[in-house]
PDB file of N, CA and C in Angstrom:
ATOM      1  N   MET A   1       0.821  -1.195   0.000  1.00  0.00           N
ATOM      2  CA  MET A   1       0.000   0.000   0.000  1.00  0.00           C
ATOM      3  C   MET A   1       0.863   1.256   0.000  1.00  0.00           C
ATOM      4  N   ARG A   2       1.903   1.239   0.838  1.00  0.00           N
ATOM      5  CA  ARG A   2       2.753   2.417   0.949  1.00  0.00           C
ATOM      6  C   ARG A   2       3.480   2.705  -0.366  1.00  0.00           C
ATOM      7  N   SER A   3       3.960   1.662  -1.037  1.00  0.00           N
ATOM      8  CA  SER A   3       4.676   1.880  -2.290  1.00  0.00           C
ATOM      9  C   SER A   3       3.731   2.372  -3.392  1.00  0.00           C
ATOM     10  N   ALA A   4       2.482   1.928  -3.371  1.00  0.00           N
ATOM     11  CA  ALA A   4       1.510   2.404  -4.355  1.00  0.00           C
ATOM     12  C   ALA A   4       1.213   3.879  -4.129  1.00  0.00           C
ATOM     13  N   LEU A   5       1.104   4.274  -2.864  1.00  0.00           N
ATOM     14  CA  LEU A   5       0.871   5.689  -2.545  1.00  0.00           C
ATOM     15  C   LEU A   5       2.075   6.531  -2.955  1.00  0.00           C
ATOM     16  N   HIS A   6       3.260   6.014  -2.689  1.00  0.00           N
ATOM     17  CA  HIS A   6       4.487   6.723  -3.065  1.00  0.00           C
ATOM     18  C   HIS A   6       4.579   6.889  -4.586  1.00  0.00           C
ATOM     19  N   ARG A   7       4.254   5.836  -5.327  1.00  0.00           N
ATOM     20  CA  ARG A   7       4.265   5.925  -6.799  1.00  0.00           C
ATOM     21  C   ARG A   7       3.243   6.939  -7.295  1.00  0.00           C
ATOM     22  N   ALA A   8       2.071   6.960  -6.675  1.00  0.00           N
ATOM     23  CA  ALA A   8       1.032   7.906  -7.086  1.00  0.00           C
ATOM     24  C   ALA A   8       1.472   9.343  -6.827  1.00  0.00           C
ATOM     25  N   ILE A   9       2.049   9.593  -5.670  1.00  0.00           N
ATOM     26  CA  ILE A   9       2.521  10.950  -5.346  1.00  0.00           C
ATOM     27  C   ILE A   9       3.661  11.349  -6.275  1.00  0.00           C
ATOM     28  N   SER A  10       4.564  10.418  -6.550  1.00  0.00           N
ATOM     29  CA  SER A  10       5.672  10.708  -7.473  1.00  0.00           C
ATOM     30  C   SER A  10       5.150  11.023  -8.869  1.00  0.00           C
ATOM     31  N   GLY A  11       4.151  10.283  -9.307  1.00  0.00           N
ATOM     32  CA  GLY A  11       3.560  10.538 -10.620  1.00  0.00           C
ATOM     33  C   GLY A  11       2.885  11.888 -10.696  1.00  0.00           C
ATOM     34  N   ILE A  12       2.177  12.253  -9.656  1.00  0.00           N
ATOM     35  CA  ILE A  12       1.513  13.562  -9.615  1.00  0.00           C
ATOM     36  C   ILE A  12       2.548  14.670  -9.607  1.00  0.00           C
ATOM     37  N   ARG A  13       3.609  14.490  -8.814  1.00  0.00           N
ATOM     38  CA  ARG A  13       4.677  15.498  -8.761  1.00  0.00           C
ATOM     39  C   ARG A  13       5.318  15.668 -10.133  1.00  0.00           C
ATOM     40  N   TRP A  14       5.625  14.550 -10.820  1.00  0.00           N
ATOM     41  CA  TRP A  14       6.211  14.619 -12.158  1.00  0.00           C
ATOM     42  C   TRP A  14       5.280  15.357 -13.116  1.00  0.00           C
ATOM     43  N   TYR A  15       3.996  15.029 -13.068  1.00  0.00           N
ATOM     44  CA  TYR A  15       3.027  15.645 -13.977  1.00  0.00           C
ATOM     45  C   TYR A  15       2.949  17.152 -13.755  1.00  0.00           C
ATOM     46  N   VAL A  16       2.886  17.580 -12.508  1.00  0.00           N
ATOM     47  CA  VAL A  16       2.794  19.019 -12.217  1.00  0.00           C
ATOM     48  C   VAL A  16       4.070  19.729 -12.656  1.00  0.00           C
ATOM     49  N   ARG A  17       5.240  19.131 -12.409  1.00  0.00           N
ATOM     50  CA  ARG A  17       6.503  19.756 -12.840  1.00  0.00           C
ATOM     51  C   ARG A  17       6.577  19.884 -14.358  1.00  0.00           C
ATOM     52  N   GLU A  18       6.103  18.880 -15.081  1.00  0.00           N
ATOM     53  CA  GLU A  18       6.099  18.958 -16.541  1.00  0.00           C
ATOM     54  C   GLU A  18       5.063  19.971 -17.036  1.00  0.00           C
ATOM     55  N   LEU A  19       3.921  19.991 -16.424  1.00  0.00           N
ATOM     56  CA  LEU A  19       2.849  20.899 -16.826  1.00  0.00           C
ATOM     57  C   LEU A  19       3.248  22.361 -16.638  1.00  0.00           C
ATOM     58  N   THR A  20       3.927  22.661 -15.551  1.00  0.00           N
ATOM     59  CA  THR A  20       4.335  24.034 -15.260  1.00  0.00           C
ATOM     60  C   THR A  20       5.708  24.378 -15.827  1.00  0.00           C
ATOM     61  N   ASP A  21       6.356  23.427 -16.496  1.00  0.00           N
ATOM     62  CA  ASP A  21       7.693  23.590 -17.088  1.00  0.00           C
ATOM     63  C   ASP A  21       8.766  23.846 -16.026  1.00  0.00           C
ATOM     64  N   GLU A  22       8.511  23.386 -14.825  1.00  0.00           N
ATOM     65  CA  GLU A  22       9.471  23.493 -13.732  1.00  0.00           C
ATOM     66  C   GLU A  22      10.706  22.632 -13.995  1.00  0.00           C
ATOM     67  N   SER A  23      10.543  21.573 -14.744  1.00  0.00           N
ATOM     68  CA  SER A  23      11.656  20.652 -14.998  1.00  0.00           C
ATOM     69  C   SER A  23      12.571  21.111 -16.129  1.00  0.00           C
ATOM     70  N   SER A  24      12.277  22.231 -16.758  1.00  0.00           N
ATOM     71  CA  SER A  24      13.105  22.684 -17.885  1.00  0.00           C
ATOM     72  C   SER A  24      14.537  22.986 -17.452  1.00  0.00           C
ATOM     73  N   TYR A  25      14.722  23.511 -16.244  1.00  0.00           N
ATOM     74  CA  TYR A  25      16.073  23.784 -15.754  1.00  0.00           C
ATOM     75  C   TYR A  25      16.849  22.483 -15.598  1.00  0.00           C
ATOM     76  N   ASP A  26      16.210  21.462 -15.041  1.00  0.00           N
ATOM     77  CA  ASP A  26      16.868  20.168 -14.870  1.00  0.00           C
ATOM     78  C   ASP A  26      17.269  19.574 -16.219  1.00  0.00           C
ATOM     79  N   ARG A  27      16.392  19.678 -17.217  1.00  0.00           N
ATOM     80  CA  ARG A  27      16.721  19.171 -18.557  1.00  0.00           C
ATOM     81  C   ARG A  27      17.870  19.961 -19.168  1.00  0.00           C
ATOM     82  N   HIS A  28      17.880  21.273 -18.955  1.00  0.00           N
ATOM     83  CA  HIS A  28      18.940  22.125 -19.496  1.00  0.00           C
ATOM     84  C   HIS A  28      20.289  21.758 -18.878  1.00  0.00           C
ATOM     85  N   ILE A  29      20.315  21.560 -17.583  1.00  0.00           N
ATOM     86  CA  ILE A  29      21.553  21.192 -16.892  1.00  0.00           C
ATOM     87  C   ILE A  29      22.040  19.824 -17.374  1.00  0.00           C
ATOM     88  N   ALA A  30      21.136  18.876 -17.547  1.00  0.00           N
ATOM     89  CA  ALA A  30      21.521  17.547 -18.042  1.00  0.00           C
ATOM     90  C   ALA A  30      22.103  17.653 -19.448  1.00  0.00           C
ATOM     91  N   HIS A  31      21.513  18.510 -20.277  1.00  0.00           N
ATOM     92  CA  HIS A  31      22.028  18.720 -21.637  1.00  0.00           C
ATOM     93  C   HIS A  31      23.440  19.298 -21.601  1.00  0.00           C
ATOM     94  N   ILE A  32      23.659  20.300 -20.769  1.00  0.00           N
ATOM     95  CA  ILE A  32      24.979  20.922 -20.684  1.00  0.00           C
ATOM     96  C   ILE A  32      26.012  19.906 -20.212  1.00  0.00           C
ATOM     97  N   ARG A  33      25.683  19.148 -19.178  1.00  0.00           N
ATOM     98  CA  ARG A  33      26.645  18.175 -18.639  1.00  0.00           C
ATOM     99  C   ARG A  33      26.973  17.079 -19.637  1.00  0.00           C
ATOM    100  N   GLU A  34      25.996  16.710 -20.453  1.00  0.00           N
ATOM    101  CA  GLU A  34      26.224  15.631 -21.411  1.00  0.00           C
ATOM    102  C   GLU A  34      26.938  16.113 -22.674  1.00  0.00           C
ATOM    103  N   ASP A  35      26.477  17.224 -23.246  1.00  0.00           N
ATOM    104  CA  ASP A  35      27.001  17.673 -24.537  1.00  0.00           C
ATOM    105  C   ASP A  35      28.109  18.716 -24.447  1.00  0.00           C
ATOM    106  N   HIS A  36      28.180  19.455 -23.350  1.00  0.00           N
ATOM    107  CA  HIS A  36      29.168  20.527 -23.204  1.00  0.00           C
ATOM    108  C   HIS A  36      29.788  20.461 -21.804  1.00  0.00           C
ATOM    109  N   PRO A  37      30.568  19.429 -21.502  1.00  0.00           N
ATOM    110  CA  PRO A  37      31.063  19.243 -20.131  1.00  0.00           C
ATOM    111  C   PRO A  37      31.975  20.357 -19.631  1.00  0.00           C
ATOM    112  N   ALA A  38      32.609  21.107 -20.523  1.00  0.00           N
ATOM    113  CA  ALA A  38      33.507  22.175 -20.088  1.00  0.00           C
ATOM    114  C   ALA A  38      32.774  23.494 -19.860  1.00  0.00           C
ATOM    115  N   ALA A  39      31.520  23.569 -20.243  1.00  0.00           N
ATOM    116  CA  ALA A  39      30.760  24.813 -20.123  1.00  0.00           C
ATOM    117  C   ALA A  39      30.367  25.067 -18.667  1.00  0.00           C
ATOM    118  N   LEU A  40      30.235  26.345 -18.351  1.00  0.00           N
ATOM    119  CA  LEU A  40      29.786  26.724 -17.015  1.00  0.00           C
ATOM    120  C   LEU A  40      28.289  26.452 -16.878  1.00  0.00           C
ATOM    121  N   ILE A  41      27.885  25.996 -15.715  1.00  0.00           N
ATOM    122  CA  ILE A  41      26.477  25.715 -15.436  1.00  0.00           C
ATOM    123  C   ILE A  41      25.847  26.992 -14.888  1.00  0.00           C
ATOM    124  N   PRO A  42      24.796  27.502 -15.539  1.00  0.00           N
ATOM    125  CA  PRO A  42      24.158  28.715 -15.030  1.00  0.00           C
ATOM    126  C   PRO A  42      23.353  28.421 -13.759  1.00  0.00           C
ATOM    127  N   THR A  43      23.212  29.429 -12.927  1.00  0.00           N
ATOM    128  CA  THR A  43      22.353  29.278 -11.762  1.00  0.00           C
ATOM    129  C   THR A  43      20.904  29.245 -12.229  1.00  0.00           C
ATOM    130  N   ARG A  44      20.017  28.893 -11.348  1.00  0.00           N
ATOM    131  CA  ARG A  44      18.592  28.863 -11.697  1.00  0.00           C
ATOM    132  C   ARG A  44      18.127  30.256 -12.125  1.00  0.00           C
ATOM    133  N   ARG A  45      18.587  31.265 -11.417  1.00  0.00           N
ATOM    134  CA  ARG A  45      18.208  32.644 -11.736  1.00  0.00           C
ATOM    135  C   ARG A  45      18.717  33.053 -13.119  1.00  0.00           C
ATOM    136  N   GLU A  46      19.972  32.714 -13.438  1.00  0.00           N
ATOM    137  CA  GLU A  46      20.531  33.035 -14.752  1.00  0.00           C
ATOM    138  C   GLU A  46      19.769  32.310 -15.860  1.00  0.00           C
ATOM    139  N   PHE A  47      19.423  31.061 -15.606  1.00  0.00           N
ATOM    140  CA  PHE A  47      18.669  30.293 -16.590  1.00  0.00           C
ATOM    141  C   PHE A  47      17.301  30.932 -16.851  1.00  0.00           C
ATOM    142  N   GLU A  48      16.598  31.290 -15.793  1.00  0.00           N
ATOM    143  CA  GLU A  48      15.275  31.907 -15.962  1.00  0.00           C
ATOM    144  C   GLU A  48      15.384  33.248 -16.682  1.00  0.00           C
ATOM    145  N   ARG A  49      16.434  34.006 -16.395  1.00  0.00           N
ATOM    146  CA  ARG A  49      16.645  35.296 -17.072  1.00  0.00           C
ATOM    147  C   ARG A  49      16.896  35.072 -18.564  1.00  0.00           C
ATOM    148  N   MET A  50      17.746  34.098 -18.923  1.00  0.00           N
ATOM    149  CA  MET A  50      18.012  33.789 -20.334  1.00  0.00           C
ATOM    150  C   MET A  50      16.726  33.356 -21.030  1.00  0.00           C
ATOM    151  N   ARG A  51      15.950  32.526 -20.358  1.00  0.00           N
ATOM    152  CA  ARG A  51      14.715  32.026 -20.952  1.00  0.00           C
ATOM    153  C   ARG A  51      13.703  33.147 -21.163  1.00  0.00           C
ATOM    154  N   THR A  52      13.601  34.045 -20.199  1.00  0.00           N
ATOM    155  CA  THR A  52      12.685  35.179 -20.323  1.00  0.00           C
ATOM    156  C   THR A  52      13.137  36.113 -21.437  1.00  0.00           C
ATOM    157  N   ASP A  53      14.433  36.406 -21.497  1.00  0.00           N
ATOM    158  CA  ASP A  53      14.949  37.276 -22.562  1.00  0.00           C
ATOM    159  C   ASP A  53      14.709  36.660 -23.934  1.00  0.00           C
ATOM    160  N   ARG A  54      14.954  35.366 -24.072  1.00  0.00           N
ATOM    161  CA  ARG A  54      14.737  34.686 -25.347  1.00  0.00           C
ATOM    162  C   ARG A  54      13.264  34.733 -25.745  1.00  0.00           C
ATOM    163  N   ARG A  55      12.382  34.542 -24.780  1.00  0.00           N
ATOM    164  CA  ARG A  55      10.945  34.564 -25.050  1.00  0.00           C
ATOM    165  C   ARG A  55      10.481  35.967 -25.461  1.00  0.00           C
ATOM    166  N   ASP A  56      11.044  36.993 -24.826  1.00  0.00           N
ATOM    167  CA  ASP A  56      10.657  38.363 -25.151  1.00  0.00           C
ATOM    168  C   ASP A  56      11.159  38.794 -26.522  1.00  0.00           C
ATOM    169  N   LYS A  57      12.299  38.289 -26.957  1.00  0.00           N
ATOM    170  CA  LYS A  57      12.865  38.664 -28.254  1.00  0.00           C
ATOM    171  C   LYS A  57      12.142  38.005 -29.421  1.00  0.00           C
ATOM    172  N   ASP A  58      11.639  36.802 -29.209  1.00  0.00           N
ATOM    173  CA  ASP A  58      11.021  36.048 -30.296  1.00  0.00           C
ATOM    174  C   ASP A  58       9.510  35.969 -30.082  1.00  0.00           C
ATOM    175  N   PRO A  59       8.731  36.625 -30.941  1.00  0.00           N
ATOM    176  CA  PRO A  59       7.272  36.633 -30.738  1.00  0.00           C
ATOM    177  C   PRO A  59       6.634  35.253 -30.895  1.00  0.00           C
ATOM    178  N   ARG A  60       7.341  34.303 -31.496  1.00  0.00           N
ATOM    179  CA  ARG A  60       6.791  32.954 -31.643  1.00  0.00           C
ATOM    180  C   ARG A  60       6.901  32.141 -30.366  1.00  0.00           C
ATOM    181  N   GLN A  61       7.672  32.602 -29.398  1.00  0.00           N
ATOM    182  CA  GLN A  61       7.909  31.857 -28.151  1.00  0.00           C
ATOM    183  C   GLN A  61       6.857  32.187 -27.091  1.00  0.00           C
ATOM    184  N   GLY A  62       5.637  31.876 -27.371  1.00  0.00           N
ATOM    185  CA  GLY A  62       4.589  32.114 -26.380  1.00  0.00           C
ATOM    186  C   GLY A  62       3.899  33.451 -26.623  1.00  0.00           C
ATOM    187  N   PHE A  63       2.782  33.607 -26.034  1.00  0.00           N
ATOM    188  CA  PHE A  63       1.977  34.807 -26.215  1.00  0.00           C
ATOM    189  C   PHE A  63       2.022  35.645 -24.949  1.00  0.00           C
ATOM    190  N   ARG A  64       2.307  36.927 -25.114  1.00  0.00           N
ATOM    191  CA  ARG A  64       2.278  37.844 -23.974  1.00  0.00           C
ATOM    192  C   ARG A  64       1.353  38.986 -24.321  1.00  0.00           C
ATOM    193  N   CYS A  65       0.372  39.194 -23.515  1.00  0.00           N
ATOM    194  CA  CYS A  65      -0.611  40.231 -23.817  1.00  0.00           C
ATOM    195  C   CYS A  65      -0.147  41.604 -23.325  1.00  0.00           C
ATOM    196  N   CYS A  66       0.735  41.644 -22.358  1.00  0.00           N
ATOM    197  CA  CYS A  66       1.104  42.934 -21.765  1.00  0.00           C
ATOM    198  C   CYS A  66       2.595  43.183 -21.842  1.00  0.00           C
TER     199      CYS A  66
END
C-alpha cells in the first residue's frame, strides 16, 4: 500500500513539474553536462533570465498580452 501511494505521489509530482515547465532547468543542466562538459552551469536565476529574454525577443515563443 505504501509503495503504491508513493508511486502515485511521485507521478503527480512529475506531472505538475512537466505541466508548469518546472523541470526545464533540470533538462537544461543535463544537456549541458552531457554535450558541453567544459561549459559553465548557469544558476537557476541566470537560466530563468536567459529564458525570459529569449521569449521576449522572439514573438513565436509564447503569447504575452502585456
